[in-house]
Amino acid sequence: MNPIQSITTCLKKYVAFSGRASRSEYWYFALFYYVLLLVAALTHNVAFRDLVELALFLPFLAAGVRRLQDTNRSG
């Protein structure tokens, strides 16, 4: 799965906590999440940073839970 597919898959499954997430899907989305948070922090715009955090926290959490289920652990 390439990075663009991983990011779009995680955003399409915004709050889907059931199912499984591949390793590449989770890590590419995690990289996207942290890079976007870094860019938001470097702009010194608090409203933009808060908006990014609020918009991407749930998909990041859902991808983490799906990744745990892929490794046969409960989310």
Protein backbone atom coordinates (compact mmCIF):
# COMPACT_ATOMS: atom_id res chain seq x y z
CA MET A 1 0.00 0.00 0.00
CA ASN A 2 1.49 3.33 -1.00
CA PRO A 3 1.40 6.42 1.27
CA ILE A 4 -1.48 8.16 -0.53
CA GLN A 5 -3.66 5.03 -0.39
CA SER A 6 -2.86 4.60 3.30
CA ILE A 7 -3.81 8.16 4.18
CA THR A 8 -7.03 8.11 2.16
CA THR A 9 -8.01 4.72 3.61
CA CYS A 10 -7.57 5.99 7.16
CA LEU A 11 -9.51 9.16 6.41
CA LYS A 12 -12.34 7.20 4.76
CA LYS A 13 -12.55 4.94 7.82
CA TYR A 14 -12.78 8.02 10.05
CA VAL A 15 -14.18 6.31 13.15
CA ALA A 16 -14.26 2.67 12.05
CA PHE A 17 -12.84 0.83 15.04
CA SER A 18 -13.68 -2.61 13.62
CA GLY A 19 -11.64 -4.40 11.03
CA ARG A 20 -7.92 -4.52 10.49
CA ALA A 21 -5.22 -2.09 9.38
CA SER A 22 -2.05 -3.21 7.68
CA ARG A 23 1.32 -2.19 9.00
CA SER A 24 1.97 0.20 6.11
CA GLU A 25 -1.48 1.75 6.44
CA TYR A 26 -0.92 2.56 10.10
CA TRP A 27 2.65 3.82 9.83
CA TYR A 28 2.10 5.98 6.76
CA PHE A 29 -0.88 7.58 8.45
CA ALA A 30 1.11 8.06 11.66
CA LEU A 31 3.87 9.75 9.68
CA PHE A 32 1.32 12.00 7.95
CA TYR A 33 -0.29 12.84 11.31
CA TYR A 34 2.95 13.78 13.04
CA VAL A 35 4.36 15.74 10.08
CA LEU A 36 1.13 17.72 9.82
CA LEU A 37 1.22 18.40 13.59
CA LEU A 38 4.83 19.56 13.28
CA VAL A 39 3.96 21.90 10.42
CA ALA A 40 0.99 23.23 12.40
CA ALA A 41 3.19 23.82 15.44
CA LEU A 42 5.86 25.58 13.40
CA THR A 43 3.34 28.04 11.97
CA HIS A 44 2.66 29.34 15.50
CA ASN A 45 -1.03 29.47 14.63
CA VAL A 46 -2.83 27.99 17.63
CA ALA A 47 -6.19 27.78 15.89
CA PHE A 48 -4.71 25.84 12.94
CA ARG A 49 -2.85 23.47 15.27
CA ASP A 50 -5.98 22.80 17.31
CA LEU A 51 -8.00 22.21 14.16
CA VAL A 52 -5.46 19.69 12.87
CA GLU A 53 -5.40 17.89 16.22
CA LEU A 54 -9.18 17.71 16.44
CA ALA A 55 -9.65 16.64 12.83
CA LEU A 56 -7.05 13.86 12.84
CA PHE A 57 -7.14 12.50 16.38
CA LEU A 58 -10.08 10.14 15.87
CA PRO A 59 -8.81 8.65 12.59
CA PHE A 60 -5.40 8.14 14.22
CA LEU A 61 -6.98 6.43 17.20
CA ALA A 62 -9.18 4.26 14.97
CA ALA A 63 -6.17 3.23 12.86
CA GLY A 64 -4.32 2.29 16.05
CA VAL A 65 -7.20 0.13 17.25
CA ARG A 66 -7.49 -1.54 13.83
CA ARG A 67 -3.73 -2.16 13.87
CA LEU A 68 -3.99 -3.80 17.29
CA GLN A 69 -6.73 -6.07 15.98
CA ASP A 70 -4.52 -6.99 13.04
CA THR A 71 -1.89 -8.22 15.50
CA ASN A 72 -4.53 -10.32 17.33
CA ARG A 73 -4.82 -8.00 20.31
CA SER A 74 -7.96 -6.32 21.52
CA GLY A 75 -8.37 -2.63 20.84
